[in-house]
C-alpha atoms as a PDB file:
ATOM      1  CA  MET A   1      65.310   9.170  25.259  1.00  0.00           C
ATOM      2  CA  GLU A   2      66.186   6.203  23.131  1.00  0.00           C
ATOM      3  CA  ASP A   3      63.263   4.296  21.561  1.00  0.00           C
ATOM      4  CA  THR A   4      65.416   2.356  19.060  1.00  0.00           C
ATOM      5  CA  SER A   5      67.168  -0.777  20.033  1.00  0.00           C
ATOM      6  CA  LEU A   6      70.949  -0.963  20.031  1.00  0.00           C
ATOM      7  CA  GLU A   7      70.742  -3.674  17.374  1.00  0.00           C
ATOM      8  CA  ASN A   8      68.602  -1.446  15.004  1.00  0.00           C
ATOM      9  CA  ARG A   9      70.753   1.533  15.607  1.00  0.00           C
ATOM     10  CA  LYS A  10      73.839  -0.504  14.667  1.00  0.00           C
ATOM     11  CA  LEU A  11      72.162  -1.760  11.543  1.00  0.00           C
ATOM     12  CA  VAL A  12      71.269   1.757  10.381  1.00  0.00           C
ATOM     13  CA  TYR A  13      74.778   2.999  11.165  1.00  0.00           C
ATOM     14  CA  ASP A  14      76.350   0.149   9.148  1.00  0.00           C
ATOM     15  CA  ILE A  15      74.030   0.775   6.217  1.00  0.00           C
ATOM     16  CA  VAL A  16      74.789   4.567   6.183  1.00  0.00           C
ATOM     17  CA  MET A  17      78.529   4.054   6.717  1.00  0.00           C
ATOM     18  CA  SER A  18      78.622   1.509   3.809  1.00  0.00           C
ATOM     19  CA  ARG A  19      77.784   4.312   1.339  1.00  0.00           C
ATOM     20  CA  PRO A  20      80.420   6.574  -0.244  1.00  0.00           C
ATOM     21  CA  VAL A  21      81.367   9.668   1.667  1.00  0.00           C
ATOM     22  CA  GLU A  22      79.928  11.876  -1.110  1.00  0.00           C
ATOM     23  CA  GLU A  23      76.579  10.145  -0.803  1.00  0.00           C
ATOM     24  CA  ARG A  24      76.562  10.520   2.988  1.00  0.00           C
ATOM     25  CA  PHE A  25      77.388  14.226   2.573  1.00  0.00           C
ATOM     26  CA  LEU A  26      74.391  14.639   0.094  1.00  0.00           C
ATOM     27  CA  MET A  27      72.106  12.781   2.547  1.00  0.00           C
ATOM     28  CA  CYS A  28      73.144  15.135   5.320  1.00  0.00           C
ATOM     29  CA  ALA A  29      72.586  18.245   3.158  1.00  0.00           C
ATOM     30  CA  GLN A  30      69.140  16.929   2.190  1.00  0.00           C
ATOM     31  CA  MET A  31      68.140  16.242   5.808  1.00  0.00           C
ATOM     32  CA  TYR A  32      69.192  19.819   6.664  1.00  0.00           C
ATOM     33  CA  GLU A  33      67.065  21.166   3.854  1.00  0.00           C
ATOM     34  CA  ASP A  34      64.138  19.046   5.047  1.00  0.00           C
ATOM     35  CA  ALA A  35      64.661  20.303   8.576  1.00  0.00           C
ATOM     36  CA  LYS A  36      64.499  23.892   7.257  1.00  0.00           C
ATOM     37  CA  GLU A  37      61.145  23.117   5.523  1.00  0.00           C
ATOM     38  CA  PHE A  38      59.702  21.644   8.757  1.00  0.00           C
ATOM     39  CA  ALA A  39      60.949  24.689  10.643  1.00  0.00           C
ATOM     40  CA  LYS A  40      58.970  26.946   8.411  1.00  0.00           C
ATOM     41  CA  ILE A  41      55.688  25.389   9.549  1.00  0.00           C
ATOM     42  CA  GLY A  42      53.873  27.943  11.598  1.00  0.00           C
ATOM     43  CA  MET A  43      56.228  30.746  10.669  1.00  0.00           C
ATOM     44  CA  PRO A  44      54.448  34.174  10.625  1.00  0.00           C
ATOM     45  CA  ASP A  45      53.970  35.565   7.119  1.00  0.00           C
ATOM     46  CA  ILE A  46      54.935  39.057   8.042  1.00  0.00           C
ATOM     47  CA  LEU A  47      58.727  38.395   8.672  1.00  0.00           C
ATOM     48  CA  SER A  48      61.429  40.069   6.623  1.00  0.00           C
ATOM     49  CA  PRO A  49      63.942  37.689   4.868  1.00  0.00           C
ATOM     50  CA  LEU A  50      66.438  38.271   7.661  1.00  0.00           C
ATOM     51  CA  GLU A  51      63.792  37.538  10.295  1.00  0.00           C
ATOM     52  CA  GLU A  52      62.836  34.424   8.425  1.00  0.00           C
ATOM     53  CA  GLU A  53      66.435  33.218   8.465  1.00  0.00           C
ATOM     54  CA  ARG A  54      66.713  33.899  12.172  1.00  0.00           C
ATOM     55  CA  TYR A  55      63.372  32.229  12.842  1.00  0.00           C
ATOM     56  CA  ILE A  56      64.486  29.090  10.948  1.00  0.00           C
ATOM     57  CA  PHE A  57      67.900  28.978  12.688  1.00  0.00           C
ATOM     58  CA  LYS A  58      66.242  29.193  16.078  1.00  0.00           C
ATOM     59  CA  ARG A  59      63.774  26.496  15.326  1.00  0.00           C
ATOM     60  CA  ILE A  60      66.498  24.140  14.213  1.00  0.00           C
ATOM     61  CA  HIS A  61      69.270  25.030  16.651  1.00  0.00           C
ATOM     62  CA  GLY A  62      67.342  26.204  19.626  1.00  0.00           C
ATOM     63  CA  CYS A  63      68.968  29.572  19.877  1.00  0.00           C
ATOM     64  CA  TYR A  64      69.768  32.566  17.739  1.00  0.00           C
ATOM     65  CA  PRO A  65      73.157  32.535  15.922  1.00  0.00           C
ATOM     66  CA  GLU A  66      74.836  35.110  18.181  1.00  0.00           C
ATOM     67  CA  GLU A  67      73.729  33.131  21.246  1.00  0.00           C
ATOM     68  CA  SER A  68      75.527  30.035  19.913  1.00  0.00           C
ATOM     69  CA  VAL A  69      78.906  31.795  19.758  1.00  0.00           C
ATOM     70  CA  ARG A  70      80.995  31.329  22.953  1.00  0.00           C
ATOM     71  CA  ARG A  71      82.176  34.779  24.158  1.00  0.00           C
ATOM     72  CA  ASN A  72      84.408  33.604  27.048  1.00  0.00           C
ATOM     73  CA  TYR A  73      87.322  31.394  25.827  1.00  0.00           C
END
């Protein structure tokens, strides 16, 4: 579903791409860290550190890490 006009998407793209590659990388890294913080909302308090990592991964990516690996090449 697209709720942003093509004109506005192009404007944002142009603004982001005008920044140096290092700054774009840092922006991406910060967005991922922010996504991890949002994924923690509602996380049960009783999870082990490994279970926490798996919970966050699933909330962000929609599956567990081993499910994202293609087994049949």
